[in-house]
């Protein structure tokens, strides 16, 4: 069995809305609840209860919760590179705590 390699040279931080501003112009991962899709823009509610516009580059997700991999383009805008459905039941409060810990006290373990 072959194990796929993971590129550790450029780790991608997991963020909530509050943390997005630290990474403007950089690639991030954000989990949100899909609130609305209109054309190529998707509005998601973040784990810290803010709204972010996601500029879609591919197919819109069909799940209620989605992880966006993309670049922060502004205070509340991410240009999507890809997305992964997280189903219709996801604990956003736990995810928010993980984001906070990964970008603060335990950052050295992840980045």
PDB file of N, CA and C in Angstrom:
ATOM      1  N   UNK A   1       0.836  -1.177   0.000  1.00  0.00           N
ATOM      2  CA  UNK A   1       0.000   0.000   0.000  1.00  0.00           C
ATOM      3  C   UNK A   1       0.884   1.245   0.000  1.00  0.00           C
ATOM      4  N   UNK A   2       0.573   2.184  -0.862  1.00  0.00           N
ATOM      5  CA  UNK A   2       1.323   3.428  -0.953  1.00  0.00           C
ATOM      6  C   UNK A   2       0.590   4.524  -0.190  1.00  0.00           C
ATOM      7  N   UNK A   3       1.318   5.192   0.665  1.00  0.00           N
ATOM      8  CA  UNK A   3       0.748   6.305   1.427  1.00  0.00           C
ATOM      9  C   UNK A   3       1.055   7.591   0.673  1.00  0.00           C
ATOM     10  N   UNK A   4       0.025   8.406   0.377  1.00  0.00           N
ATOM     11  CA  UNK A   4       0.291   9.647  -0.345  1.00  0.00           C
ATOM     12  C   UNK A   4       1.144  10.591   0.499  1.00  0.00           C
ATOM     13  N   UNK A   5       2.018  11.320  -0.176  1.00  0.00           N
ATOM     14  CA  UNK A   5       2.865  12.265   0.552  1.00  0.00           C
ATOM     15  C   UNK A   5       2.096  13.556   0.820  1.00  0.00           C
ATOM     16  N   UNK A   6       2.464  14.211   1.892  1.00  0.00           N
ATOM     17  CA  UNK A   6       1.842  15.472   2.270  1.00  0.00           C
ATOM     18  C   UNK A   6       2.903  16.553   2.162  1.00  0.00           C
ATOM     19  N   UNK A   7       2.575  17.636   1.473  1.00  0.00           N
ATOM     20  CA  UNK A   7       3.503  18.751   1.322  1.00  0.00           C
ATOM     21  C   UNK A   7       3.497  19.584   2.602  1.00  0.00           C
ATOM     22  N   UNK A   8       4.571  19.504   3.369  1.00  0.00           N
ATOM     23  CA  UNK A   8       4.674  20.252   4.620  1.00  0.00           C
ATOM     24  C   UNK A   8       5.417  21.572   4.452  1.00  0.00           C
ATOM     25  N   UNK A   9       5.824  21.880   3.225  1.00  0.00           N
ATOM     26  CA  UNK A   9       6.601  23.098   2.998  1.00  0.00           C
ATOM     27  C   UNK A   9       5.744  24.360   3.061  1.00  0.00           C
ATOM     28  N   UNK A  10       4.454  24.232   2.839  1.00  0.00           N
ATOM     29  CA  UNK A  10       3.569  25.399   2.862  1.00  0.00           C
ATOM     30  C   UNK A  10       2.252  25.031   3.542  1.00  0.00           C
ATOM     31  N   UNK A  11       2.262  24.926   4.877  1.00  0.00           N
ATOM     32  CA  UNK A  11       1.028  24.553   5.581  1.00  0.00           C
ATOM     33  C   UNK A  11      -0.062  25.606   5.387  1.00  0.00           C
ATOM     34  N   UNK A  12      -1.297  25.150   5.341  1.00  0.00           N
ATOM     35  CA  UNK A  12      -2.439  26.043   5.137  1.00  0.00           C
ATOM     36  C   UNK A  12      -3.191  26.169   6.459  1.00  0.00           C
ATOM     37  N   UNK A  13      -3.245  27.380   7.020  1.00  0.00           N
ATOM     38  CA  UNK A  13      -3.910  27.545   8.316  1.00  0.00           C
ATOM     39  C   UNK A  13      -5.425  27.424   8.212  1.00  0.00           C
ATOM     40  N   UNK A  14      -6.024  26.888   9.248  1.00  0.00           N
ATOM     41  CA  UNK A  14      -7.480  26.865   9.385  1.00  0.00           C
ATOM     42  C   UNK A  14      -7.877  28.141  10.106  1.00  0.00           C
ATOM     43  N   UNK A  15      -8.903  28.816   9.585  1.00  0.00           N
ATOM     44  CA  UNK A  15      -9.285  30.114  10.138  1.00  0.00           C
ATOM     45  C   UNK A  15     -10.786  30.205  10.375  1.00  0.00           C
ATOM     46  N   UNK A  16     -11.144  31.172  11.206  1.00  0.00           N
ATOM     47  CA  UNK A  16     -12.520  31.642  11.315  1.00  0.00           C
ATOM     48  C   UNK A  16     -12.501  33.075  10.784  1.00  0.00           C
ATOM     49  N   UNK A  17     -13.608  33.788  10.897  1.00  0.00           N
ATOM     50  CA  UNK A  17     -13.658  35.152  10.362  1.00  0.00           C
ATOM     51  C   UNK A  17     -12.634  36.058  11.041  1.00  0.00           C
ATOM     52  N   UNK A  18     -12.570  35.992  12.351  1.00  0.00           N
ATOM     53  CA  UNK A  18     -11.670  36.863  13.110  1.00  0.00           C
ATOM     54  C   UNK A  18     -10.215  36.691  12.680  1.00  0.00           C
ATOM     55  N   UNK A  19      -9.823  35.487  12.333  1.00  0.00           N
ATOM     56  CA  UNK A  19      -8.434  35.204  11.970  1.00  0.00           C
ATOM     57  C   UNK A  19      -8.110  35.508  10.511  1.00  0.00           C
ATOM     58  N   UNK A  20      -9.126  35.675   9.666  1.00  0.00           N
ATOM     59  CA  UNK A  20      -8.888  35.884   8.233  1.00  0.00           C
ATOM     60  C   UNK A  20      -7.975  37.073   7.954  1.00  0.00           C
ATOM     61  N   UNK A  21      -8.129  38.157   8.706  1.00  0.00           N
ATOM     62  CA  UNK A  21      -7.359  39.376   8.433  1.00  0.00           C
ATOM     63  C   UNK A  21      -5.847  39.152   8.574  1.00  0.00           C
ATOM     64  N   UNK A  22      -5.439  38.182   9.377  1.00  0.00           N
ATOM     65  CA  UNK A  22      -4.010  37.862   9.528  1.00  0.00           C
ATOM     66  C   UNK A  22      -3.420  37.269   8.252  1.00  0.00           C
ATOM     67  N   UNK A  23      -4.291  36.774   7.380  1.00  0.00           N
ATOM     68  CA  UNK A  23      -3.825  36.007   6.226  1.00  0.00           C
ATOM     69  C   UNK A  23      -4.257  36.618   4.892  1.00  0.00           C
ATOM     70  N   UNK A  24      -4.492  37.926   4.846  1.00  0.00           N
ATOM     71  CA  UNK A  24      -4.909  38.539   3.583  1.00  0.00           C
ATOM     72  C   UNK A  24      -3.842  38.291   2.514  1.00  0.00           C
ATOM     73  N   UNK A  25      -4.305  37.831   1.346  1.00  0.00           N
ATOM     74  CA  UNK A  25      -3.406  37.506   0.244  1.00  0.00           C
ATOM     75  C   UNK A  25      -2.800  36.114   0.334  1.00  0.00           C
ATOM     76  N   UNK A  26      -3.160  35.380   1.378  1.00  0.00           N
ATOM     77  CA  UNK A  26      -2.597  34.042   1.586  1.00  0.00           C
ATOM     78  C   UNK A  26      -3.691  32.977   1.523  1.00  0.00           C
ATOM     79  N   UNK A  27      -3.241  31.756   1.343  1.00  0.00           N
ATOM     80  CA  UNK A  27      -4.151  30.606   1.265  1.00  0.00           C
ATOM     81  C   UNK A  27      -4.557  30.159   2.669  1.00  0.00           C
ATOM     82  N   UNK A  28      -5.846  29.856   2.839  1.00  0.00           N
ATOM     83  CA  UNK A  28      -6.393  29.415   4.125  1.00  0.00           C
ATOM     84  C   UNK A  28      -7.430  28.321   3.900  1.00  0.00           C
ATOM     85  N   UNK A  29      -7.855  27.720   5.002  1.00  0.00           N
ATOM     86  CA  UNK A  29      -9.002  26.800   4.995  1.00  0.00           C
ATOM     87  C   UNK A  29     -10.015  27.340   5.988  1.00  0.00           C
ATOM     88  N   UNK A  30     -11.256  27.427   5.544  1.00  0.00           N
ATOM     89  CA  UNK A  30     -12.334  27.950   6.370  1.00  0.00           C
ATOM     90  C   UNK A  30     -13.526  27.013   6.262  1.00  0.00           C
ATOM     91  N   UNK A  31     -14.115  26.650   7.387  1.00  0.00           N
ATOM     92  CA  UNK A  31     -15.341  25.857   7.382  1.00  0.00           C
ATOM     93  C   UNK A  31     -16.497  26.797   7.681  1.00  0.00           C
ATOM     94  N   UNK A  32     -17.569  26.649   6.920  1.00  0.00           N
ATOM     95  CA  UNK A  32     -18.736  27.488   7.137  1.00  0.00           C
ATOM     96  C   UNK A  32     -20.017  26.771   6.771  1.00  0.00           C
ATOM     97  N   UNK A  33     -21.114  27.378   7.186  1.00  0.00           N
ATOM     98  CA  UNK A  33     -22.442  26.869   6.838  1.00  0.00           C
ATOM     99  C   UNK A  33     -22.946  27.664   5.643  1.00  0.00           C
ATOM    100  N   UNK A  34     -23.308  26.971   4.584  1.00  0.00           N
ATOM    101  CA  UNK A  34     -23.789  27.634   3.375  1.00  0.00           C
ATOM    102  C   UNK A  34     -25.128  28.300   3.684  1.00  0.00           C
ATOM    103  N   UNK A  35     -25.177  29.616   3.468  1.00  0.00           N
ATOM    104  CA  UNK A  35     -26.402  30.377   3.703  1.00  0.00           C
ATOM    105  C   UNK A  35     -27.104  30.712   2.392  1.00  0.00           C
ATOM    106  N   UNK A  36     -26.308  30.971   1.346  1.00  0.00           N
ATOM    107  CA  UNK A  36     -26.894  31.384   0.066  1.00  0.00           C
ATOM    108  C   UNK A  36     -25.869  31.180  -1.041  1.00  0.00           C
ATOM    109  N   UNK A  37     -26.359  30.783  -2.215  1.00  0.00           N
ATOM    110  CA  UNK A  37     -25.511  30.704  -3.401  1.00  0.00           C
ATOM    111  C   UNK A  37     -26.213  31.487  -4.498  1.00  0.00           C
ATOM    112  N   UNK A  38     -25.477  32.450  -5.073  1.00  0.00           N
ATOM    113  CA  UNK A  38     -26.027  33.268  -6.144  1.00  0.00           C
ATOM    114  C   UNK A  38     -24.962  33.396  -7.230  1.00  0.00           C
ATOM    115  N   UNK A  39     -25.178  32.704  -8.337  1.00  0.00           N
ATOM    116  CA  UNK A  39     -24.189  32.713  -9.409  1.00  0.00           C
ATOM    117  C   UNK A  39     -22.886  32.097  -8.946  1.00  0.00           C
ATOM    118  N   UNK A  40     -21.815  32.887  -8.995  1.00  0.00           N
ATOM    119  CA  UNK A  40     -20.503  32.381  -8.590  1.00  0.00           C
ATOM    120  C   UNK A  40     -20.088  32.881  -7.201  1.00  0.00           C
ATOM    121  N   UNK A  41     -21.054  33.367  -6.430  1.00  0.00           N
ATOM    122  CA  UNK A  41     -20.771  33.812  -5.063  1.00  0.00           C
ATOM    123  C   UNK A  41     -21.587  32.993  -4.076  1.00  0.00           C
ATOM    124  N   UNK A  42     -20.906  32.514  -3.052  1.00  0.00           N
ATOM    125  CA  UNK A  42     -21.563  31.749  -1.994  1.00  0.00           C
ATOM    126  C   UNK A  42     -21.347  32.496  -0.682  1.00  0.00           C
ATOM    127  N   UNK A  43     -22.408  32.692   0.074  1.00  0.00           N
ATOM    128  CA  UNK A  43     -22.310  33.297   1.402  1.00  0.00           C
ATOM    129  C   UNK A  43     -22.298  32.172   2.426  1.00  0.00           C
ATOM    130  N   UNK A  44     -21.275  32.186   3.295  1.00  0.00           N
ATOM    131  CA  UNK A  44     -21.187  31.182   4.350  1.00  0.00           C
ATOM    132  C   UNK A  44     -21.108  31.873   5.703  1.00  0.00           C
ATOM    133  N   UNK A  45     -21.711  31.225   6.691  1.00  0.00           N
ATOM    134  CA  UNK A  45     -21.621  31.699   8.073  1.00  0.00           C
ATOM    135  C   UNK A  45     -20.463  30.963   8.722  1.00  0.00           C
ATOM    136  N   UNK A  46     -19.529  31.713   9.282  1.00  0.00           N
ATOM    137  CA  UNK A  46     -18.326  31.130   9.866  1.00  0.00           C
ATOM    138  C   UNK A  46     -18.595  30.599  11.268  1.00  0.00           C
ATOM    139  N   UNK A  47     -17.617  29.902  11.798  1.00  0.00           N
ATOM    140  CA  UNK A  47     -17.754  29.306  13.130  1.00  0.00           C
ATOM    141  C   UNK A  47     -17.848  30.352  14.234  1.00  0.00           C
ATOM    142  N   UNK A  48     -17.432  31.596  13.941  1.00  0.00           N
ATOM    143  CA  UNK A  48     -17.575  32.678  14.916  1.00  0.00           C
ATOM    144  C   UNK A  48     -18.702  33.637  14.523  1.00  0.00           C
ATOM    145  N   UNK A  49     -19.683  33.100  13.780  1.00  0.00           N
ATOM    146  CA  UNK A  49     -20.952  33.774  13.452  1.00  0.00           C
ATOM    147  C   UNK A  49     -20.833  35.027  12.592  1.00  0.00           C
ATOM    148  N   UNK A  50     -19.868  35.083  11.701  1.00  0.00           N
ATOM    149  CA  UNK A  50     -19.761  36.182  10.751  1.00  0.00           C
ATOM    150  C   UNK A  50     -20.090  35.641   9.358  1.00  0.00           C
ATOM    151  N   UNK A  51     -20.325  36.539   8.420  1.00  0.00           N
ATOM    152  CA  UNK A  51     -20.618  36.143   7.047  1.00  0.00           C
ATOM    153  C   UNK A  51     -19.407  36.416   6.155  1.00  0.00           C
ATOM    154  N   UNK A  52     -19.097  35.445   5.302  1.00  0.00           N
ATOM    155  CA  UNK A  52     -17.986  35.562   4.357  1.00  0.00           C
ATOM    156  C   UNK A  52     -18.510  35.256   2.965  1.00  0.00           C
ATOM    157  N   UNK A  53     -18.094  36.065   1.987  1.00  0.00           N
ATOM    158  CA  UNK A  53     -18.404  35.800   0.586  1.00  0.00           C
ATOM    159  C   UNK A  53     -17.299  34.932   0.006  1.00  0.00           C
ATOM    160  N   UNK A  54     -17.695  33.832  -0.605  1.00  0.00           N
ATOM    161  CA  UNK A  54     -16.747  32.925  -1.246  1.00  0.00           C
ATOM    162  C   UNK A  54     -16.956  33.037  -2.747  1.00  0.00           C
ATOM    163  N   UNK A  55     -15.903  33.411  -3.465  1.00  0.00           N
ATOM    164  CA  UNK A  55     -15.966  33.501  -4.921  1.00  0.00           C
ATOM    165  C   UNK A  55     -15.662  32.117  -5.472  1.00  0.00           C
ATOM    166  N   UNK A  56     -16.694  31.469  -5.987  1.00  0.00           N
ATOM    167  CA  UNK A  56     -16.574  30.085  -6.452  1.00  0.00           C
ATOM    168  C   UNK A  56     -15.836  30.011  -7.779  1.00  0.00           C
ATOM    169  N   UNK A  57     -14.986  29.009  -7.916  1.00  0.00           N
ATOM    170  CA  UNK A  57     -14.295  28.768  -9.180  1.00  0.00           C
ATOM    171  C   UNK A  57     -14.693  27.426  -9.774  1.00  0.00           C
ATOM    172  N   UNK A  58     -15.406  26.636  -8.993  1.00  0.00           N
ATOM    173  CA  UNK A  58     -15.854  25.323  -9.442  1.00  0.00           C
ATOM    174  C   UNK A  58     -17.311  25.125  -9.085  1.00  0.00           C
ATOM    175  N   UNK A  59     -17.696  23.879  -9.001  1.00  0.00           N
ATOM    176  CA  UNK A  59     -19.084  23.542  -8.681  1.00  0.00           C
ATOM    177  C   UNK A  59     -19.427  23.956  -7.252  1.00  0.00           C
ATOM    178  N   UNK A  60     -20.638  24.436  -7.083  1.00  0.00           N
ATOM    179  CA  UNK A  60     -21.120  24.814  -5.755  1.00  0.00           C
ATOM    180  C   UNK A  60     -21.358  23.552  -4.929  1.00  0.00           C
ATOM    181  N   UNK A  61     -21.072  23.615  -3.642  1.00  0.00           N
ATOM    182  CA  UNK A  61     -21.286  22.443  -2.784  1.00  0.00           C
ATOM    183  C   UNK A  61     -22.769  22.148  -2.594  1.00  0.00           C
ATOM    184  N   UNK A  62     -23.073  20.908  -2.268  1.00  0.00           N
ATOM    185  CA  UNK A  62     -24.465  20.518  -2.018  1.00  0.00           C
ATOM    186  C   UNK A  62     -24.728  20.270  -0.538  1.00  0.00           C
ATOM    187  N   UNK A  63     -23.669  20.185   0.274  1.00  0.00           N
ATOM    188  CA  UNK A  63     -23.820  19.976   1.714  1.00  0.00           C
ATOM    189  C   UNK A  63     -24.095  21.302   2.420  1.00  0.00           C
ATOM    190  N   UNK A  64     -24.666  21.225   3.613  1.00  0.00           N
ATOM    191  CA  UNK A  64     -24.933  22.426   4.409  1.00  0.00           C
ATOM    192  C   UNK A  64     -23.638  23.037   4.944  1.00  0.00           C
ATOM    193  N   UNK A  65     -22.668  22.179   5.301  1.00  0.00           N
ATOM    194  CA  UNK A  65     -21.387  22.657   5.819  1.00  0.00           C
ATOM    195  C   UNK A  65     -20.299  22.318   4.814  1.00  0.00           C
ATOM    196  N   UNK A  66     -19.359  23.253   4.639  1.00  0.00           N
ATOM    197  CA  UNK A  66     -18.341  23.081   3.615  1.00  0.00           C
ATOM    198  C   UNK A  66     -17.008  23.647   4.099  1.00  0.00           C
ATOM    199  N   UNK A  67     -15.919  22.983   3.691  1.00  0.00           N
ATOM    200  CA  UNK A  67     -14.583  23.521   3.932  1.00  0.00           C
ATOM    201  C   UNK A  67     -14.101  24.154   2.641  1.00  0.00           C
ATOM    202  N   UNK A  68     -13.713  25.412   2.736  1.00  0.00           N
ATOM    203  CA  UNK A  68     -13.218  26.160   1.593  1.00  0.00           C
ATOM    204  C   UNK A  68     -11.705  26.245   1.691  1.00  0.00           C
ATOM    205  N   UNK A  69     -11.030  25.896   0.625  1.00  0.00           N
ATOM    206  CA  UNK A  69      -9.584  26.075   0.503  1.00  0.00           C
ATOM    207  C   UNK A  69      -9.424  27.194  -0.514  1.00  0.00           C
ATOM    208  N   UNK A  70      -8.874  28.328  -0.078  1.00  0.00           N
ATOM    209  CA  UNK A  70      -8.767  29.454  -0.993  1.00  0.00           C
ATOM    210  C   UNK A  70      -7.896  30.566  -0.452  1.00  0.00           C
ATOM    211  N   UNK A  71      -7.899  31.685  -1.175  1.00  0.00           N
ATOM    212  CA  UNK A  71      -7.064  32.832  -0.839  1.00  0.00           C
ATOM    213  C   UNK A  71      -7.921  33.964  -0.299  1.00  0.00           C
ATOM    214  N   UNK A  72      -7.495  34.540   0.822  1.00  0.00           N
ATOM    215  CA  UNK A  72      -8.207  35.680   1.411  1.00  0.00           C
ATOM    216  C   UNK A  72      -7.951  36.893   0.527  1.00  0.00           C
ATOM    217  N   UNK A  73      -9.043  37.469  -0.029  1.00  0.00           N
ATOM    218  CA  UNK A  73      -8.908  38.615  -0.929  1.00  0.00           C
ATOM    219  C   UNK A  73      -9.333  39.926  -0.289  1.00  0.00           C
ATOM    220  N   UNK A  74      -9.962  39.859   0.858  1.00  0.00           N
ATOM    221  CA  UNK A  74     -10.412  41.076   1.532  1.00  0.00           C
ATOM    222  C   UNK A  74     -10.928  40.722   2.904  1.00  0.00           C
ATOM    223  N   UNK A  75     -11.441  41.707   3.633  1.00  0.00           N
ATOM    224  CA  UNK A  75     -11.881  41.471   5.015  1.00  0.00           C
ATOM    225  C   UNK A  75     -12.903  40.344   5.167  1.00  0.00           C
ATOM    226  N   UNK A  76     -13.742  40.147   4.166  1.00  0.00           N
ATOM    227  CA  UNK A  76     -14.740  39.076   4.263  1.00  0.00           C
ATOM    228  C   UNK A  76     -14.905  38.339   2.935  1.00  0.00           C
ATOM    229  N   UNK A  77     -13.803  38.210   2.184  1.00  0.00           N
ATOM    230  CA  UNK A  77     -13.869  37.570   0.862  1.00  0.00           C
ATOM    231  C   UNK A  77     -12.746  36.543   0.716  1.00  0.00           C
ATOM    232  N   UNK A  78     -13.129  35.353   0.260  1.00  0.00           N
ATOM    233  CA  UNK A  78     -12.163  34.300  -0.073  1.00  0.00           C
ATOM    234  C   UNK A  78     -12.424  33.847  -1.502  1.00  0.00           C
ATOM    235  N   UNK A  79     -11.356  33.764  -2.298  1.00  0.00           N
ATOM    236  CA  UNK A  79     -11.461  33.179  -3.642  1.00  0.00           C
ATOM    237  C   UNK A  79     -11.151  31.698  -3.505  1.00  0.00           C
ATOM    238  N   UNK A  80     -12.160  30.888  -3.764  1.00  0.00           N
ATOM    239  CA  UNK A  80     -12.063  29.441  -3.593  1.00  0.00           C
ATOM    240  C   UNK A  80     -11.131  28.807  -4.622  1.00  0.00           C
ATOM    241  N   UNK A  81     -10.317  27.872  -4.148  1.00  0.00           N
ATOM    242  CA  UNK A  81      -9.549  27.010  -5.040  1.00  0.00           C
ATOM    243  C   UNK A  81     -10.214  25.644  -5.114  1.00  0.00           C
ATOM    244  N   UNK A  82     -10.788  25.221  -3.983  1.00  0.00           N
ATOM    245  CA  UNK A  82     -11.536  23.965  -3.937  1.00  0.00           C
ATOM    246  C   UNK A  82     -12.437  23.983  -2.714  1.00  0.00           C
ATOM    247  N   UNK A  83     -13.379  23.053  -2.700  1.00  0.00           N
ATOM    248  CA  UNK A  83     -14.236  22.920  -1.518  1.00  0.00           C
ATOM    249  C   UNK A  83     -14.530  21.448  -1.281  1.00  0.00           C
ATOM    250  N   UNK A  84     -14.783  21.142  -0.016  1.00  0.00           N
ATOM    251  CA  UNK A  84     -15.107  19.774   0.388  1.00  0.00           C
ATOM    252  C   UNK A  84     -16.352  19.839   1.255  1.00  0.00           C
ATOM    253  N   UNK A  85     -17.348  19.032   0.912  1.00  0.00           N
ATOM    254  CA  UNK A  85     -18.556  18.980   1.724  1.00  0.00           C
ATOM    255  C   UNK A  85     -18.288  18.316   3.064  1.00  0.00           C
ATOM    256  N   UNK A  86     -18.827  18.904   4.123  1.00  0.00           N
ATOM    257  CA  UNK A  86     -18.696  18.357   5.478  1.00  0.00           C
ATOM    258  C   UNK A  86     -20.031  17.844   5.992  1.00  0.00           C
ATOM    259  N   UNK A  87     -20.962  17.562   5.090  1.00  0.00           N
ATOM    260  CA  UNK A  87     -22.247  17.005   5.493  1.00  0.00           C
ATOM    261  C   UNK A  87     -23.221  18.058   5.978  1.00  0.00           C
ATOM    262  N   UNK A  88     -24.264  17.591   6.634  1.00  0.00           N
ATOM    263  CA  UNK A  88     -25.330  18.486   7.079  1.00  0.00           C
ATOM    264  C   UNK A  88     -25.389  18.649   8.590  1.00  0.00           C
ATOM    265  N   UNK A  89     -24.404  18.094   9.294  1.00  0.00           N
ATOM    266  CA  UNK A  89     -24.354  18.193  10.752  1.00  0.00           C
ATOM    267  C   UNK A  89     -22.888  18.319  11.158  1.00  0.00           C
ATOM    268  N   UNK A  90     -22.498  19.500  11.602  1.00  0.00           N
ATOM    269  CA  UNK A  90     -21.099  19.763  11.936  1.00  0.00           C
ATOM    270  C   UNK A  90     -21.061  20.677  13.149  1.00  0.00           C
ATOM    271  N   UNK A  91     -20.195  20.388  14.118  1.00  0.00           N
ATOM    272  CA  UNK A  91     -20.110  21.175  15.350  1.00  0.00           C
ATOM    273  C   UNK A  91     -19.211  22.393  15.136  1.00  0.00           C
ATOM    274  N   UNK A  92     -19.837  23.515  14.829  1.00  0.00           N
ATOM    275  CA  UNK A  92     -19.094  24.738  14.536  1.00  0.00           C
ATOM    276  C   UNK A  92     -18.416  25.313  15.781  1.00  0.00           C
ATOM    277  N   UNK A  93     -18.979  25.113  16.953  1.00  0.00           N
ATOM    278  CA  UNK A  93     -18.359  25.644  18.177  1.00  0.00           C
ATOM    279  C   UNK A  93     -17.027  24.950  18.444  1.00  0.00           C
ATOM    280  N   UNK A  94     -16.997  23.638  18.277  1.00  0.00           N
ATOM    281  CA  UNK A  94     -15.730  22.913  18.448  1.00  0.00           C
ATOM    282  C   UNK A  94     -14.706  23.354  17.408  1.00  0.00           C
ATOM    283  N   UNK A  95     -15.148  23.504  16.167  1.00  0.00           N
ATOM    284  CA  UNK A  95     -14.241  23.947  15.111  1.00  0.00           C
ATOM    285  C   UNK A  95     -13.671  25.324  15.439  1.00  0.00           C
ATOM    286  N   UNK A  96     -14.511  26.209  15.970  1.00  0.00           N
ATOM    287  CA  UNK A  96     -14.050  27.550  16.318  1.00  0.00           C
ATOM    288  C   UNK A  96     -12.958  27.487  17.389  1.00  0.00           C
ATOM    289  N   UNK A  97     -13.132  26.614  18.367  1.00  0.00           N
ATOM    290  CA  UNK A  97     -12.107  26.449  19.407  1.00  0.00           C
ATOM    291  C   UNK A  97     -10.808  25.916  18.809  1.00  0.00           C
ATOM    292  N   UNK A  98     -10.917  24.979  17.891  1.00  0.00           N
ATOM    293  CA  UNK A  98      -9.729  24.430  17.229  1.00  0.00           C
ATOM    294  C   UNK A  98      -8.994  25.531  16.468  1.00  0.00           C
ATOM    295  N   UNK A  99      -9.730  26.361  15.724  1.00  0.00           N
ATOM    296  CA  UNK A  99      -9.104  27.465  14.980  1.00  0.00           C
ATOM    297  C   UNK A  99      -8.337  28.384  15.915  1.00  0.00           C
ATOM    298  N   UNK A 100      -8.951  28.714  17.026  1.00  0.00           N
ATOM    299  CA  UNK A 100      -8.315  29.612  17.994  1.00  0.00           C
ATOM    300  C   UNK A 100      -7.028  29.002  18.537  1.00  0.00           C
ATOM    301  N   UNK A 101      -7.075  27.745  18.927  1.00  0.00           N
ATOM    302  CA  UNK A 101      -5.885  27.084  19.468  1.00  0.00           C
ATOM    303  C   UNK A 101      -4.792  26.910  18.417  1.00  0.00           C
ATOM    304  N   UNK A 102      -5.190  26.585  17.181  1.00  0.00           N
ATOM    305  CA  UNK A 102      -4.214  26.359  16.117  1.00  0.00           C
ATOM    306  C   UNK A 102      -3.494  27.640  15.706  1.00  0.00           C
ATOM    307  N   UNK A 103      -4.106  28.779  15.976  1.00  0.00           N
ATOM    308  CA  UNK A 103      -3.515  30.053  15.576  1.00  0.00           C
ATOM    309  C   UNK A 103      -2.992  30.850  16.764  1.00  0.00           C
ATOM    310  N   UNK A 104      -2.910  30.228  17.922  1.00  0.00           N
ATOM    311  CA  UNK A 104      -2.454  30.924  19.119  1.00  0.00           C
ATOM    312  C   UNK A 104      -1.527  30.019  19.922  1.00  0.00           C
ATOM    313  N   UNK A 105      -2.045  29.458  20.967  1.00  0.00           N
ATOM    314  CA  UNK A 105      -1.251  28.692  21.931  1.00  0.00           C
ATOM    315  C   UNK A 105      -0.492  27.515  21.307  1.00  0.00           C
ATOM    316  N   UNK A 106      -1.111  26.821  20.367  1.00  0.00           N
ATOM    317  CA  UNK A 106      -0.500  25.614  19.803  1.00  0.00           C
ATOM    318  C   UNK A 106      -0.085  25.784  18.342  1.00  0.00           C
ATOM    319  N   UNK A 107       0.119  27.018  17.910  1.00  0.00           N
ATOM    320  CA  UNK A 107       0.441  27.291  16.513  1.00  0.00           C
ATOM    321  C   UNK A 107       1.687  26.539  16.046  1.00  0.00           C
ATOM    322  N   UNK A 108       2.670  26.403  16.890  1.00  0.00           N
ATOM    323  CA  UNK A 108       3.916  25.737  16.483  1.00  0.00           C
ATOM    324  C   UNK A 108       3.705  24.269  16.113  1.00  0.00           C
ATOM    325  N   UNK A 109       2.642  23.670  16.592  1.00  0.00           N
ATOM    326  CA  UNK A 109       2.351  22.277  16.248  1.00  0.00           C
ATOM    327  C   UNK A 109       1.782  22.133  14.840  1.00  0.00           C
ATOM    328  N   UNK A 110       1.212  23.225  14.303  1.00  0.00           N
ATOM    329  CA  UNK A 110       0.493  23.133  13.038  1.00  0.00           C
ATOM    330  C   UNK A 110       1.141  23.905  11.900  1.00  0.00           C
ATOM    331  N   UNK A 111       1.857  24.981  12.188  1.00  0.00           N
ATOM    332  CA  UNK A 111       2.449  25.799  11.120  1.00  0.00           C
ATOM    333  C   UNK A 111       3.951  25.841  11.237  1.00  0.00           C
TER     334      UNK A 111
END
